[in-house]
N, C-alpha and C. Protein backbone atom coordinates (compact mmCIF):
# COMPACT_ATOMS: atom_id res chain seq x y z
N UNK A 1 8.35 4.91 2.90
CA UNK A 1 7.49 3.87 2.36
C UNK A 1 6.05 4.35 2.20
N UNK A 2 5.61 5.16 3.14
CA UNK A 2 4.24 5.66 3.10
C UNK A 2 3.98 6.42 1.80
N UNK A 3 4.93 7.25 1.41
CA UNK A 3 4.77 8.05 0.19
C UNK A 3 4.74 7.16 -1.04
N UNK A 4 5.53 6.11 -1.05
CA UNK A 4 5.58 5.18 -2.18
C UNK A 4 4.22 4.52 -2.39
N UNK A 5 3.63 4.01 -1.33
CA UNK A 5 2.32 3.36 -1.42
C UNK A 5 1.26 4.36 -1.87
N UNK A 6 1.35 5.58 -1.34
CA UNK A 6 0.38 6.62 -1.70
C UNK A 6 0.45 6.97 -3.18
N UNK A 7 1.65 7.12 -3.72
CA UNK A 7 1.83 7.47 -5.13
C UNK A 7 1.30 6.35 -6.03
N UNK A 8 1.62 5.11 -5.69
CA UNK A 8 1.15 3.98 -6.49
C UNK A 8 -0.38 3.90 -6.47
N UNK A 9 -0.97 4.03 -5.30
CA UNK A 9 -2.43 3.92 -5.17
C UNK A 9 -3.14 5.05 -5.90
N UNK A 10 -2.62 6.27 -5.79
CA UNK A 10 -3.26 7.40 -6.46
C UNK A 10 -3.22 7.26 -7.97
N UNK A 11 -2.21 6.59 -8.49
CA UNK A 11 -2.11 6.38 -9.94
C UNK A 11 -3.13 5.34 -10.42
N UNK A 12 -3.60 4.48 -9.55
CA UNK A 12 -4.50 3.40 -9.93
C UNK A 12 -5.98 3.75 -9.85
N UNK A 13 -6.36 4.65 -8.96
CA UNK A 13 -7.77 4.87 -8.63
C UNK A 13 -8.39 6.04 -9.41
N UNK A 14 -9.73 6.09 -9.39
CA UNK A 14 -10.47 7.19 -10.02
C UNK A 14 -10.62 8.38 -9.08
N UNK A 15 -10.54 8.14 -7.78
CA UNK A 15 -10.70 9.20 -6.77
C UNK A 15 -9.42 9.32 -5.94
N UNK A 16 -8.37 9.93 -6.50
CA UNK A 16 -7.09 10.00 -5.77
C UNK A 16 -7.14 10.83 -4.49
N UNK A 17 -8.12 11.73 -4.38
CA UNK A 17 -8.22 12.54 -3.17
C UNK A 17 -8.70 11.73 -1.96
N UNK A 18 -9.26 10.54 -2.19
CA UNK A 18 -9.75 9.71 -1.09
C UNK A 18 -8.74 8.64 -0.67
N UNK A 19 -7.55 8.68 -1.24
CA UNK A 19 -6.51 7.72 -0.86
C UNK A 19 -5.81 8.22 0.39
N UNK A 20 -5.68 7.34 1.38
CA UNK A 20 -4.93 7.70 2.59
C UNK A 20 -4.13 6.49 3.05
N UNK A 21 -2.95 6.78 3.55
CA UNK A 21 -2.06 5.73 4.06
C UNK A 21 -1.65 6.12 5.47
N UNK A 22 -1.89 5.23 6.41
CA UNK A 22 -1.45 5.48 7.79
C UNK A 22 -0.31 4.52 8.11
N UNK A 23 0.69 5.06 8.79
CA UNK A 23 1.88 4.29 9.11
C UNK A 23 1.95 4.06 10.62
N UNK A 24 2.08 2.80 11.00
CA UNK A 24 2.20 2.43 12.41
C UNK A 24 3.51 1.67 12.59
N UNK A 25 4.37 2.18 13.45
CA UNK A 25 5.65 1.52 13.68
C UNK A 25 5.57 0.61 14.88
N UNK A 26 6.06 -0.59 14.70
CA UNK A 26 6.15 -1.56 15.79
C UNK A 26 7.62 -1.82 16.06
N UNK A 27 7.91 -2.73 16.96
CA UNK A 27 9.30 -3.03 17.31
C UNK A 27 10.10 -3.54 16.11
N UNK A 28 9.54 -4.52 15.40
CA UNK A 28 10.28 -5.16 14.32
C UNK A 28 9.68 -4.95 12.94
N UNK A 29 8.60 -4.17 12.85
CA UNK A 29 7.94 -3.99 11.55
C UNK A 29 7.25 -2.63 11.46
N UNK A 30 6.88 -2.29 10.25
CA UNK A 30 6.12 -1.07 9.97
C UNK A 30 4.85 -1.51 9.24
N UNK A 31 3.69 -1.09 9.75
CA UNK A 31 2.41 -1.42 9.14
C UNK A 31 1.91 -0.21 8.37
N UNK A 32 1.64 -0.40 7.08
CA UNK A 32 1.08 0.65 6.24
C UNK A 32 -0.35 0.24 5.89
N UNK A 33 -1.33 1.01 6.36
CA UNK A 33 -2.74 0.72 6.11
C UNK A 33 -3.22 1.64 5.00
N UNK A 34 -3.60 1.05 3.88
CA UNK A 34 -4.05 1.80 2.71
C UNK A 34 -5.57 1.83 2.67
N UNK A 35 -6.15 3.03 2.59
CA UNK A 35 -7.60 3.18 2.48
C UNK A 35 -7.92 3.90 1.18
N UNK A 36 -8.91 3.38 0.45
CA UNK A 36 -9.36 4.01 -0.79
C UNK A 36 -10.88 4.06 -0.78
N UNK A 37 -11.44 4.75 -1.75
CA UNK A 37 -12.90 4.81 -1.87
C UNK A 37 -13.43 3.40 -2.16
N UNK A 38 -14.62 3.09 -1.67
CA UNK A 38 -15.17 1.74 -1.91
C UNK A 38 -15.27 1.37 -3.39
N UNK A 39 -15.54 2.35 -4.24
CA UNK A 39 -15.64 2.06 -5.68
C UNK A 39 -14.29 1.76 -6.31
N UNK A 40 -13.21 2.17 -5.67
CA UNK A 40 -11.86 1.94 -6.19
C UNK A 40 -11.19 0.71 -5.60
N UNK A 41 -11.84 0.01 -4.71
CA UNK A 41 -11.23 -1.12 -4.03
C UNK A 41 -10.78 -2.20 -5.02
N UNK A 42 -11.59 -2.48 -6.01
CA UNK A 42 -11.24 -3.50 -7.00
C UNK A 42 -10.03 -3.13 -7.82
N UNK A 43 -9.84 -1.86 -8.06
CA UNK A 43 -8.69 -1.41 -8.84
C UNK A 43 -7.39 -1.56 -8.07
N UNK A 44 -7.45 -1.43 -6.76
CA UNK A 44 -6.26 -1.55 -5.93
C UNK A 44 -5.93 -3.03 -5.67
N UNK A 45 -6.95 -3.85 -5.54
CA UNK A 45 -6.73 -5.28 -5.28
C UNK A 45 -6.40 -6.02 -6.58
N UNK A 46 -7.14 -5.74 -7.64
CA UNK A 46 -6.90 -6.38 -8.92
C UNK A 46 -7.50 -7.78 -8.99
N UNK A 47 -7.44 -8.33 -10.18
CA UNK A 47 -8.00 -9.66 -10.41
C UNK A 47 -7.15 -10.70 -9.67
N UNK A 48 -7.78 -11.47 -8.83
CA UNK A 48 -7.12 -12.48 -7.99
C UNK A 48 -6.03 -11.89 -7.10
N UNK A 49 -6.12 -10.59 -6.81
CA UNK A 49 -5.17 -9.95 -5.90
C UNK A 49 -3.82 -9.64 -6.52
N UNK A 50 -3.75 -9.62 -7.84
CA UNK A 50 -2.46 -9.40 -8.51
C UNK A 50 -1.88 -8.01 -8.27
N UNK A 51 -2.72 -6.99 -8.29
CA UNK A 51 -2.23 -5.62 -8.08
C UNK A 51 -1.76 -5.45 -6.64
N UNK A 52 -2.53 -5.97 -5.69
CA UNK A 52 -2.14 -5.88 -4.28
C UNK A 52 -0.82 -6.59 -4.05
N UNK A 53 -0.65 -7.75 -4.66
CA UNK A 53 0.61 -8.49 -4.54
C UNK A 53 1.77 -7.71 -5.14
N UNK A 54 1.52 -7.04 -6.27
CA UNK A 54 2.56 -6.24 -6.91
C UNK A 54 2.96 -5.05 -6.05
N UNK A 55 1.98 -4.40 -5.43
CA UNK A 55 2.28 -3.27 -4.53
C UNK A 55 3.14 -3.76 -3.37
N UNK A 56 2.77 -4.90 -2.80
CA UNK A 56 3.54 -5.45 -1.68
C UNK A 56 4.96 -5.81 -2.11
N UNK A 57 5.11 -6.33 -3.32
CA UNK A 57 6.45 -6.68 -3.83
C UNK A 57 7.33 -5.46 -4.00
N UNK A 58 6.77 -4.40 -4.54
CA UNK A 58 7.53 -3.16 -4.73
C UNK A 58 7.95 -2.58 -3.38
N UNK A 59 7.05 -2.58 -2.42
CA UNK A 59 7.36 -2.05 -1.09
C UNK A 59 8.41 -2.92 -0.41
N UNK A 60 8.31 -4.23 -0.58
CA UNK A 60 9.30 -5.13 0.02
C UNK A 60 10.68 -4.88 -0.59
N UNK A 61 10.74 -4.68 -1.89
CA UNK A 61 12.02 -4.40 -2.54
C UNK A 61 12.59 -3.07 -2.08
N UNK A 62 11.73 -2.09 -1.88
CA UNK A 62 12.19 -0.77 -1.44
C UNK A 62 12.62 -0.77 0.02
N UNK A 63 12.12 -1.71 0.80
CA UNK A 63 12.41 -1.72 2.23
C UNK A 63 13.61 -2.60 2.58
N UNK A 64 14.31 -3.12 1.59
CA UNK A 64 15.45 -4.00 1.86
C UNK A 64 16.52 -3.30 2.68
N UNK A 65 16.72 -2.02 2.46
CA UNK A 65 17.75 -1.27 3.18
C UNK A 65 17.44 -1.08 4.66
N UNK A 66 16.16 -1.00 4.99
CA UNK A 66 15.80 -0.84 6.40
C UNK A 66 15.82 -2.21 7.08
N UNK A 67 16.00 -2.22 8.38
CA UNK A 67 16.07 -3.48 9.10
C UNK A 67 14.70 -3.95 9.58
N UNK A 68 13.65 -3.23 9.20
CA UNK A 68 12.30 -3.59 9.63
C UNK A 68 11.50 -4.17 8.45
N UNK A 69 10.61 -5.07 8.77
CA UNK A 69 9.71 -5.65 7.78
C UNK A 69 8.56 -4.67 7.56
N UNK A 70 8.17 -4.45 6.30
CA UNK A 70 7.08 -3.54 5.99
C UNK A 70 5.88 -4.35 5.53
N UNK A 71 4.74 -4.13 6.19
CA UNK A 71 3.51 -4.84 5.88
C UNK A 71 2.52 -3.85 5.29
N UNK A 72 1.96 -4.18 4.12
CA UNK A 72 0.95 -3.33 3.48
C UNK A 72 -0.39 -4.01 3.65
N UNK A 73 -1.32 -3.29 4.26
CA UNK A 73 -2.66 -3.81 4.52
C UNK A 73 -3.67 -2.91 3.80
N UNK A 74 -4.58 -3.51 3.04
CA UNK A 74 -5.59 -2.74 2.33
C UNK A 74 -6.89 -2.83 3.12
N UNK A 75 -7.41 -1.66 3.51
CA UNK A 75 -8.63 -1.63 4.34
C UNK A 75 -9.84 -1.30 3.50
């Protein structure tokens, strides 16, 4: 999942070298924290949060096979 979020974010931003995703595993979920350059924050969130919602939807669809819930957090 970490790689999926990273690929999507790098395709959206102007500074792909500043994209980082950290993965934290919990008992029942996996937390993916996405960090981008401050100037690229709007591109990752999108108007009214549409891009962020789309990223979360794609990750949720990809995580159906695993038994853990995947949470994407944009920092």
